[in-house]
Amino acid sequence: MTLKDDFRAYLESRGLHGDEVRVEVINNFLDELYKEGLPMLISVPDAACLLGVSRKTGYEMAKKGQLPIVKLPNNRIKVNTRRFLEIFDEGDD
């Protein structure tokens, strides 16, 4: 099961769909994941899903420097999970 599947299941379990997703819901989901231990890196599509944008938009954001990416061999990129989550923490101020 991917992070995207986990997130969809989380939303469905709370009866939420599409536009009803808010930062608070995402933060609660991420808090639950913290208990299980997050990986150091997540995929761009998983980060895009958490932001509520398309996979394509996620990759565009990565290219523009709007996501904290880590470049890996073979032209692969991943998102630094800790720095990505800081995006949500900035909204709490």
PDB file of N, CA and C in Angstrom:
ATOM      1  N   MET A   1       0.843  -1.176   0.000  1.00  0.00           N
ATOM      2  CA  MET A   1       0.000   0.000   0.000  1.00  0.00           C
ATOM      3  C   MET A   1       0.896   1.251   0.000  1.00  0.00           C
ATOM      4  N   THR A   2       0.562   2.228  -0.835  1.00  0.00           N
ATOM      5  CA  THR A   2       1.344   3.450  -0.931  1.00  0.00           C
ATOM      6  C   THR A   2       0.800   4.509   0.017  1.00  0.00           C
ATOM      7  N   LEU A   3       1.560   5.576   0.174  1.00  0.00           N
ATOM      8  CA  LEU A   3       1.111   6.697   0.995  1.00  0.00           C
ATOM      9  C   LEU A   3      -0.199   7.265   0.443  1.00  0.00           C
ATOM     10  N   LYS A   4      -0.313   7.285  -0.873  1.00  0.00           N
ATOM     11  CA  LYS A   4      -1.540   7.781  -1.507  1.00  0.00           C
ATOM     12  C   LYS A   4      -2.740   6.911  -1.115  1.00  0.00           C
ATOM     13  N   ASP A   5      -2.551   5.604  -1.131  1.00  0.00           N
ATOM     14  CA  ASP A   5      -3.626   4.690  -0.726  1.00  0.00           C
ATOM     15  C   ASP A   5      -3.993   4.889   0.737  1.00  0.00           C
ATOM     16  N   ASP A   6      -2.951   5.048   1.585  1.00  0.00           N
ATOM     17  CA  ASP A   6      -3.197   5.294   3.007  1.00  0.00           C
ATOM     18  C   ASP A   6      -4.008   6.571   3.204  1.00  0.00           C
ATOM     19  N   PHE A   7      -3.643   7.610   2.451  1.00  0.00           N
ATOM     20  CA  PHE A   7      -4.329   8.896   2.583  1.00  0.00           C
ATOM     21  C   PHE A   7      -5.780   8.797   2.118  1.00  0.00           C
ATOM     22  N   ARG A   8      -5.992   8.116   1.004  1.00  0.00           N
ATOM     23  CA  ARG A   8      -7.370   7.926   0.518  1.00  0.00           C
ATOM     24  C   ARG A   8      -8.214   7.161   1.533  1.00  0.00           C
ATOM     25  N   ALA A   9      -7.633   6.114   2.103  1.00  0.00           N
ATOM     26  CA  ALA A   9      -8.348   5.325   3.104  1.00  0.00           C
ATOM     27  C   ALA A   9      -8.663   6.181   4.329  1.00  0.00           C
ATOM     28  N   TYR A  10      -7.713   7.011   4.732  1.00  0.00           N
ATOM     29  CA  TYR A  10      -7.920   7.910   5.867  1.00  0.00           C
ATOM     30  C   TYR A  10      -9.095   8.862   5.592  1.00  0.00           C
ATOM     31  N   LEU A  11      -9.113   9.449   4.401  1.00  0.00           N
ATOM     32  CA  LEU A  11     -10.194  10.382   4.039  1.00  0.00           C
ATOM     33  C   LEU A  11     -11.536   9.664   3.989  1.00  0.00           C
ATOM     34  N   GLU A  12     -11.566   8.497   3.357  1.00  0.00           N
ATOM     35  CA  GLU A  12     -12.814   7.737   3.244  1.00  0.00           C
ATOM     36  C   GLU A  12     -13.341   7.328   4.620  1.00  0.00           C
ATOM     37  N   SER A  13     -12.441   6.983   5.533  1.00  0.00           N
ATOM     38  CA  SER A  13     -12.869   6.564   6.869  1.00  0.00           C
ATOM     39  C   SER A  13     -13.529   7.719   7.630  1.00  0.00           C
ATOM     40  N   ARG A  14     -13.262   8.942   7.192  1.00  0.00           N
ATOM     41  CA  ARG A  14     -13.849  10.111   7.836  1.00  0.00           C
ATOM     42  C   ARG A  14     -14.937  10.763   6.966  1.00  0.00           C
ATOM     43  N   GLY A  15     -15.274  10.093   5.860  1.00  0.00           N
ATOM     44  CA  GLY A  15     -16.334  10.581   4.988  1.00  0.00           C
ATOM     45  C   GLY A  15     -15.970  11.851   4.240  1.00  0.00           C
ATOM     46  N   LEU A  16     -14.689  12.066   3.983  1.00  0.00           N
ATOM     47  CA  LEU A  16     -14.241  13.280   3.293  1.00  0.00           C
ATOM     48  C   LEU A  16     -13.880  12.962   1.851  1.00  0.00           C
ATOM     49  N   HIS A  17     -14.185  13.914   0.967  1.00  0.00           N
ATOM     50  CA  HIS A  17     -13.880  13.731  -0.450  1.00  0.00           C
ATOM     51  C   HIS A  17     -13.478  15.069  -1.052  1.00  0.00           C
ATOM     52  N   GLY A  18     -12.555  15.027  -1.991  1.00  0.00           N
ATOM     53  CA  GLY A  18     -12.167  16.175  -2.798  1.00  0.00           C
ATOM     54  C   GLY A  18     -11.940  17.474  -2.066  1.00  0.00           C
ATOM     55  N   ASP A  19     -12.804  18.475  -2.332  1.00  0.00           N
ATOM     56  CA  ASP A  19     -12.615  19.824  -1.819  1.00  0.00           C
ATOM     57  C   ASP A  19     -12.740  19.941  -0.309  1.00  0.00           C
ATOM     58  N   GLU A  20     -13.234  18.900   0.341  1.00  0.00           N
ATOM     59  CA  GLU A  20     -13.390  18.965   1.788  1.00  0.00           C
ATOM     60  C   GLU A  20     -12.058  18.800   2.522  1.00  0.00           C
ATOM     61  N   VAL A  21     -11.015  18.428   1.785  1.00  0.00           N
ATOM     62  CA  VAL A  21      -9.716  18.205   2.405  1.00  0.00           C
ATOM     63  C   VAL A  21      -9.097  19.563   2.749  1.00  0.00           C
ATOM     64  N   ARG A  22      -8.688  19.699   4.000  1.00  0.00           N
ATOM     65  CA  ARG A  22      -8.053  20.923   4.462  1.00  0.00           C
ATOM     66  C   ARG A  22      -6.740  20.581   5.128  1.00  0.00           C
ATOM     67  N   VAL A  23      -5.945  21.600   5.362  1.00  0.00           N
ATOM     68  CA  VAL A  23      -4.643  21.398   5.993  1.00  0.00           C
ATOM     69  C   VAL A  23      -4.789  20.674   7.326  1.00  0.00           C
ATOM     70  N   GLU A  24      -5.827  20.971   8.075  1.00  0.00           N
ATOM     71  CA  GLU A  24      -6.043  20.318   9.366  1.00  0.00           C
ATOM     72  C   GLU A  24      -6.178  18.804   9.202  1.00  0.00           C
ATOM     73  N   VAL A  25      -6.927  18.391   8.194  1.00  0.00           N
ATOM     74  CA  VAL A  25      -7.104  16.960   7.934  1.00  0.00           C
ATOM     75  C   VAL A  25      -5.767  16.332   7.555  1.00  0.00           C
ATOM     76  N   ILE A  26      -5.020  17.009   6.700  1.00  0.00           N
ATOM     77  CA  ILE A  26      -3.718  16.501   6.283  1.00  0.00           C
ATOM     78  C   ILE A  26      -2.788  16.410   7.485  1.00  0.00           C
ATOM     79  N   ASN A  27      -2.789  17.432   8.332  1.00  0.00           N
ATOM     80  CA  ASN A  27      -1.945  17.403   9.530  1.00  0.00           C
ATOM     81  C   ASN A  27      -2.307  16.236  10.436  1.00  0.00           C
ATOM     82  N   ASN A  28      -3.598  15.982  10.612  1.00  0.00           N
ATOM     83  CA  ASN A  28      -4.020  14.855  11.449  1.00  0.00           C
ATOM     84  C   ASN A  28      -3.544  13.530  10.858  1.00  0.00           C
ATOM     85  N   PHE A  29      -3.651  13.408   9.543  1.00  0.00           N
ATOM     86  CA  PHE A  29      -3.179  12.207   8.863  1.00  0.00           C
ATOM     87  C   PHE A  29      -1.677  12.026   9.074  1.00  0.00           C
ATOM     88  N   LEU A  30      -0.938  13.107   8.904  1.00  0.00           N
ATOM     89  CA  LEU A  30       0.509  13.028   9.071  1.00  0.00           C
ATOM     90  C   LEU A  30       0.890  12.721  10.514  1.00  0.00           C
ATOM     91  N   ASP A  31       0.126  13.254  11.472  1.00  0.00           N
ATOM     92  CA  ASP A  31       0.374  12.925  12.879  1.00  0.00           C
ATOM     93  C   ASP A  31       0.239  11.426  13.111  1.00  0.00           C
ATOM     94  N   GLU A  32      -0.777  10.821  12.508  1.00  0.00           N
ATOM     95  CA  GLU A  32      -0.956   9.370  12.645  1.00  0.00           C
ATOM     96  C   GLU A  32       0.205   8.608  12.005  1.00  0.00           C
ATOM     97  N   LEU A  33       0.690   9.110  10.876  1.00  0.00           N
ATOM     98  CA  LEU A  33       1.814   8.454  10.220  1.00  0.00           C
ATOM     99  C   LEU A  33       3.085   8.566  11.052  1.00  0.00           C
ATOM    100  N   TYR A  34       3.247   9.697  11.743  1.00  0.00           N
ATOM    101  CA  TYR A  34       4.424   9.871  12.595  1.00  0.00           C
ATOM    102  C   TYR A  34       4.525   8.750  13.619  1.00  0.00           C
ATOM    103  N   LYS A  35       3.371   8.343  14.132  1.00  0.00           N
ATOM    104  CA  LYS A  35       3.366   7.277  15.132  1.00  0.00           C
ATOM    105  C   LYS A  35       3.940   5.984  14.561  1.00  0.00           C
ATOM    106  N   GLU A  36       3.735   5.778  13.266  1.00  0.00           N
ATOM    107  CA  GLU A  36       4.226   4.571  12.603  1.00  0.00           C
ATOM    108  C   GLU A  36       5.652   4.747  12.101  1.00  0.00           C
ATOM    109  N   GLY A  37       6.116   5.960  12.033  1.00  0.00           N
ATOM    110  CA  GLY A  37       7.462   6.250  11.529  1.00  0.00           C
ATOM    111  C   GLY A  37       7.439   6.527  10.044  1.00  0.00           C
ATOM    112  N   LEU A  38       7.824   7.720   9.676  1.00  0.00           N
ATOM    113  CA  LEU A  38       7.839   8.111   8.264  1.00  0.00           C
ATOM    114  C   LEU A  38       9.181   7.799   7.629  1.00  0.00           C
ATOM    115  N   PRO A  39       9.164   7.510   6.340  1.00  0.00           N
ATOM    116  CA  PRO A  39      10.435   7.341   5.635  1.00  0.00           C
ATOM    117  C   PRO A  39      11.130   8.691   5.484  1.00  0.00           C
ATOM    118  N   MET A  40      12.434   8.672   5.293  1.00  0.00           N
ATOM    119  CA  MET A  40      13.182   9.914   5.116  1.00  0.00           C
ATOM    120  C   MET A  40      12.788  10.620   3.826  1.00  0.00           C
ATOM    121  N   LEU A  41      12.443   9.844   2.807  1.00  0.00           N
ATOM    122  CA  LEU A  41      12.087  10.392   1.503  1.00  0.00           C
ATOM    123  C   LEU A  41      10.755   9.824   1.055  1.00  0.00           C
ATOM    124  N   ILE A  42       9.956  10.667   0.392  1.00  0.00           N
ATOM    125  CA  ILE A  42       8.712  10.204  -0.216  1.00  0.00           C
ATOM    126  C   ILE A  42       8.739  10.570  -1.694  1.00  0.00           C
ATOM    127  N   SER A  43       7.904   9.929  -2.462  1.00  0.00           N
ATOM    128  CA  SER A  43       7.867  10.202  -3.898  1.00  0.00           C
ATOM    129  C   SER A  43       7.185  11.535  -4.172  1.00  0.00           C
ATOM    130  N   VAL A  44       7.481  12.098  -5.317  1.00  0.00           N
ATOM    131  CA  VAL A  44       6.831  13.334  -5.737  1.00  0.00           C
ATOM    132  C   VAL A  44       5.317  13.129  -5.866  1.00  0.00           C
ATOM    133  N   PRO A  45       4.842  12.012  -6.462  1.00  0.00           N
ATOM    134  CA  PRO A  45       3.394  11.796  -6.522  1.00  0.00           C
ATOM    135  C   PRO A  45       2.737  11.724  -5.136  1.00  0.00           C
ATOM    136  N   ASP A  46       3.416  11.124  -4.151  1.00  0.00           N
ATOM    137  CA  ASP A  46       2.853  11.080  -2.801  1.00  0.00           C
ATOM    138  C   ASP A  46       2.772  12.481  -2.201  1.00  0.00           C
ATOM    139  N   ALA A  47       3.808  13.282  -2.397  1.00  0.00           N
ATOM    140  CA  ALA A  47       3.790  14.660  -1.902  1.00  0.00           C
ATOM    141  C   ALA A  47       2.675  15.452  -2.591  1.00  0.00           C
ATOM    142  N   ALA A  48       2.523  15.249  -3.889  1.00  0.00           N
ATOM    143  CA  ALA A  48       1.472  15.932  -4.642  1.00  0.00           C
ATOM    144  C   ALA A  48       0.094  15.558  -4.103  1.00  0.00           C
ATOM    145  N   CYS A  49      -0.096  14.283  -3.829  1.00  0.00           N
ATOM    146  CA  CYS A  49      -1.370  13.809  -3.278  1.00  0.00           C
ATOM    147  C   CYS A  49      -1.680  14.511  -1.963  1.00  0.00           C
ATOM    148  N   LEU A  50      -0.691  14.606  -1.089  1.00  0.00           N
ATOM    149  CA  LEU A  50      -0.903  15.267   0.201  1.00  0.00           C
ATOM    150  C   LEU A  50      -1.208  16.750   0.041  1.00  0.00           C
ATOM    151  N   LEU A  51      -0.674  17.351  -1.007  1.00  0.00           N
ATOM    152  CA  LEU A  51      -0.952  18.768  -1.272  1.00  0.00           C
ATOM    153  C   LEU A  51      -2.272  18.966  -2.016  1.00  0.00           C
ATOM    154  N   GLY A  52      -2.841  17.880  -2.509  1.00  0.00           N
ATOM    155  CA  GLY A  52      -4.100  17.989  -3.237  1.00  0.00           C
ATOM    156  C   GLY A  52      -3.938  18.458  -4.665  1.00  0.00           C
ATOM    157  N   VAL A  53      -2.756  18.187  -5.237  1.00  0.00           N
ATOM    158  CA  VAL A  53      -2.508  18.566  -6.629  1.00  0.00           C
ATOM    159  C   VAL A  53      -2.212  17.313  -7.434  1.00  0.00           C
ATOM    160  N   SER A  54      -2.205  17.451  -8.735  1.00  0.00           N
ATOM    161  CA  SER A  54      -1.947  16.306  -9.608  1.00  0.00           C
ATOM    162  C   SER A  54      -0.473  15.905  -9.568  1.00  0.00           C
ATOM    163  N   ARG A  55      -0.220  14.714 -10.046  1.00  0.00           N
ATOM    164  CA  ARG A  55       1.153  14.215 -10.165  1.00  0.00           C
ATOM    165  C   ARG A  55       1.983  15.166 -11.030  1.00  0.00           C
ATOM    166  N   LYS A  56       1.394  15.590 -12.147  1.00  0.00           N
ATOM    167  CA  LYS A  56       2.090  16.500 -13.068  1.00  0.00           C
ATOM    168  C   LYS A  56       2.446  17.803 -12.363  1.00  0.00           C
ATOM    169  N   THR A  57       1.495  18.357 -11.612  1.00  0.00           N
ATOM    170  CA  THR A  57       1.750  19.598 -10.887  1.00  0.00           C
ATOM    171  C   THR A  57       2.835  19.383  -9.833  1.00  0.00           C
ATOM    172  N   GLY A  58       2.829  18.228  -9.193  1.00  0.00           N
ATOM    173  CA  GLY A  58       3.869  17.908  -8.220  1.00  0.00           C
ATOM    174  C   GLY A  58       5.254  17.959  -8.844  1.00  0.00           C
ATOM    175  N   TYR A  59       5.394  17.368 -10.016  1.00  0.00           N
ATOM    176  CA  TYR A  59       6.693  17.393 -10.693  1.00  0.00           C
ATOM    177  C   TYR A  59       7.051  18.807 -11.151  1.00  0.00           C
ATOM    178  N   GLU A  60       6.054  19.588 -11.558  1.00  0.00           N
ATOM    179  CA  GLU A  60       6.321  20.979 -11.934  1.00  0.00           C
ATOM    180  C   GLU A  60       6.788  21.778 -10.717  1.00  0.00           C
ATOM    181  N   MET A  61       6.158  21.532  -9.564  1.00  0.00           N
ATOM    182  CA  MET A  61       6.558  22.207  -8.331  1.00  0.00           C
ATOM    183  C   MET A  61       7.996  21.826  -7.954  1.00  0.00           C
ATOM    184  N   ALA A  62       8.327  20.559  -8.122  1.00  0.00           N
ATOM    185  CA  ALA A  62       9.691  20.101  -7.822  1.00  0.00           C
ATOM    186  C   ALA A  62      10.695  20.802  -8.731  1.00  0.00           C
ATOM    187  N   LYS A  63      10.353  20.907 -10.007  1.00  0.00           N
ATOM    188  CA  LYS A  63      11.246  21.548 -10.979  1.00  0.00           C
ATOM    189  C   LYS A  63      11.456  23.028 -10.654  1.00  0.00           C
ATOM    190  N   LYS A  64      10.410  23.690 -10.148  1.00  0.00           N
ATOM    191  CA  LYS A  64      10.492  25.114  -9.800  1.00  0.00           C
ATOM    192  C   LYS A  64      11.115  25.357  -8.426  1.00  0.00           C
ATOM    193  N   GLY A  65      11.444  24.283  -7.713  1.00  0.00           N
ATOM    194  CA  GLY A  65      12.035  24.444  -6.392  1.00  0.00           C
ATOM    195  C   GLY A  65      11.023  24.664  -5.284  1.00  0.00           C
ATOM    196  N   GLN A  66       9.761  24.373  -5.562  1.00  0.00           N
ATOM    197  CA  GLN A  66       8.706  24.565  -4.570  1.00  0.00           C
ATOM    198  C   GLN A  66       8.544  23.367  -3.646  1.00  0.00           C
ATOM    199  N   LEU A  67       9.231  22.267  -3.951  1.00  0.00           N
ATOM    200  CA  LEU A  67       9.257  21.089  -3.085  1.00  0.00           C
ATOM    201  C   LEU A  67      10.712  20.816  -2.720  1.00  0.00           C
ATOM    202  N   PRO A  68      10.962  20.371  -1.495  1.00  0.00           N
ATOM    203  CA  PRO A  68      12.332  20.094  -1.068  1.00  0.00           C
ATOM    204  C   PRO A  68      12.821  18.744  -1.604  1.00  0.00           C
ATOM    205  N   ILE A  69      13.342  18.772  -2.814  1.00  0.00           N
ATOM    206  CA  ILE A  69      13.716  17.516  -3.471  1.00  0.00           C
ATOM    207  C   ILE A  69      15.148  17.100  -3.149  1.00  0.00           C
ATOM    208  N   VAL A  70      15.375  15.816  -3.305  1.00  0.00           N
ATOM    209  CA  VAL A  70      16.696  15.211  -3.204  1.00  0.00           C
ATOM    210  C   VAL A  70      16.929  14.495  -4.527  1.00  0.00           C
ATOM    211  N   LYS A  71      18.040  14.821  -5.184  1.00  0.00           N
ATOM    212  CA  LYS A  71      18.355  14.177  -6.458  1.00  0.00           C
ATOM    213  C   LYS A  71      19.079  12.872  -6.203  1.00  0.00           C
ATOM    214  N   LEU A  72      18.598  11.829  -6.846  1.00  0.00           N
ATOM    215  CA  LEU A  72      19.167  10.489  -6.724  1.00  0.00           C
ATOM    216  C   LEU A  72      19.778  10.073  -8.058  1.00  0.00           C
ATOM    217  N   PRO A  73      20.568   9.006  -8.057  1.00  0.00           N
ATOM    218  CA  PRO A  73      21.132   8.523  -9.332  1.00  0.00           C
ATOM    219  C   PRO A  73      20.030   8.202 -10.352  1.00  0.00           C
ATOM    220  N   ASN A  74      20.423   8.170 -11.598  1.00  0.00           N
ATOM    221  CA  ASN A  74      19.528   7.852 -12.718  1.00  0.00           C
ATOM    222  C   ASN A  74      18.412   8.874 -12.890  1.00  0.00           C
ATOM    223  N   ASN A  75      18.697  10.138 -12.583  1.00  0.00           N
ATOM    224  CA  ASN A  75      17.741  11.236 -12.760  1.00  0.00           C
ATOM    225  C   ASN A  75      16.462  11.084 -11.944  1.00  0.00           C
ATOM    226  N   ARG A  76      16.524  10.334 -10.849  1.00  0.00           N
ATOM    227  CA  ARG A  76      15.355  10.169  -9.980  1.00  0.00           C
ATOM    228  C   ARG A  76      15.371  11.268  -8.926  1.00  0.00           C
ATOM    229  N   ILE A  77      14.180  11.676  -8.504  1.00  0.00           N
ATOM    230  CA  ILE A  77      14.080  12.641  -7.420  1.00  0.00           C
ATOM    231  C   ILE A  77      13.078  12.137  -6.388  1.00  0.00           C
ATOM    232  N   LYS A  78      13.318  12.515  -5.165  1.00  0.00           N
ATOM    233  CA  LYS A  78      12.419  12.215  -4.049  1.00  0.00           C
ATOM    234  C   LYS A  78      12.246  13.505  -3.258  1.00  0.00           C
ATOM    235  N   VAL A  79      11.267  13.520  -2.387  1.00  0.00           N
ATOM    236  CA  VAL A  79      11.000  14.685  -1.548  1.00  0.00           C
ATOM    237  C   VAL A  79      11.480  14.377  -0.138  1.00  0.00           C
ATOM    238  N   ASN A  80      12.235  15.306   0.438  1.00  0.00           N
ATOM    239  CA  ASN A  80      12.697  15.183   1.815  1.00  0.00           C
ATOM    240  C   ASN A  80      11.475  15.333   2.720  1.00  0.00           C
ATOM    241  N   THR A  81      11.119  14.267   3.422  1.00  0.00           N
ATOM    242  CA  THR A  81       9.881  14.237   4.206  1.00  0.00           C
ATOM    243  C   THR A  81       9.861  15.301   5.297  1.00  0.00           C
ATOM    244  N   ARG A  82      10.939  15.405   6.066  1.00  0.00           N
ATOM    245  CA  ARG A  82      10.968  16.361   7.172  1.00  0.00           C
ATOM    246  C   ARG A  82      10.780  17.790   6.665  1.00  0.00           C
ATOM    247  N   ARG A  83      11.517  18.149   5.626  1.00  0.00           N
ATOM    248  CA  ARG A  83      11.402  19.511   5.079  1.00  0.00           C
ATOM    249  C   ARG A  83      10.038  19.733   4.427  1.00  0.00           C
ATOM    250  N   PHE A  84       9.481  18.691   3.821  1.00  0.00           N
ATOM    251  CA  PHE A  84       8.147  18.787   3.222  1.00  0.00           C
ATOM    252  C   PHE A  84       7.106  19.086   4.297  1.00  0.00           C
ATOM    253  N   LEU A  85       7.196  18.404   5.426  1.00  0.00           N
ATOM    254  CA  LEU A  85       6.226  18.601   6.504  1.00  0.00           C
ATOM    255  C   LEU A  85       6.323  19.989   7.122  1.00  0.00           C
ATOM    256  N   GLU A  86       7.487  20.611   7.014  1.00  0.00           N
ATOM    257  CA  GLU A  86       7.647  21.977   7.507  1.00  0.00           C
ATOM    258  C   GLU A  86       6.744  22.950   6.752  1.00  0.00           C
ATOM    259  N   ILE A  87       6.387  22.601   5.516  1.00  0.00           N
ATOM    260  CA  ILE A  87       5.473  23.436   4.733  1.00  0.00           C
ATOM    261  C   ILE A  87       4.148  23.580   5.495  1.00  0.00           C
ATOM    262  N   PHE A  88       3.676  22.484   6.088  1.00  0.00           N
ATOM    263  CA  PHE A  88       2.426  22.511   6.828  1.00  0.00           C
ATOM    264  C   PHE A  88       2.583  23.221   8.170  1.00  0.00           C
ATOM    265  N   ASP A  89       3.747  23.083   8.791  1.00  0.00           N
ATOM    266  CA  ASP A  89       3.998  23.743  10.078  1.00  0.00           C
ATOM    267  C   ASP A  89       4.020  25.254   9.938  1.00  0.00           C
ATOM    268  N   GLU A  90       4.467  25.752   8.785  1.00  0.00           N
ATOM    269  CA  GLU A  90       4.510  27.204   8.555  1.00  0.00           C
ATOM    270  C   GLU A  90       3.119  27.821   8.611  1.00  0.00           C
ATOM    271  N   GLY A  91       2.097  27.062   8.260  1.00  0.00           N
ATOM    272  CA  GLY A  91       0.722  27.568   8.280  1.00  0.00           C
ATOM    273  C   GLY A  91       0.136  27.663   9.666  1.00  0.00           C
ATOM    274  N   ASP A  92       0.802  27.097  10.683  1.00  0.00           N
ATOM    275  CA  ASP A  92       0.283  27.106  12.039  1.00  0.00           C
ATOM    276  C   ASP A  92       0.590  28.383  12.799  1.00  0.00           C
ATOM    277  N   ASP A  93       1.461  29.240  12.260  1.00  0.00           N
ATOM    278  CA  ASP A  93       1.863  30.450  12.977  1.00  0.00           C
ATOM    279  C   ASP A  93       0.765  31.458  13.111  1.00  0.00           C
TER     280      ASP A  93
END
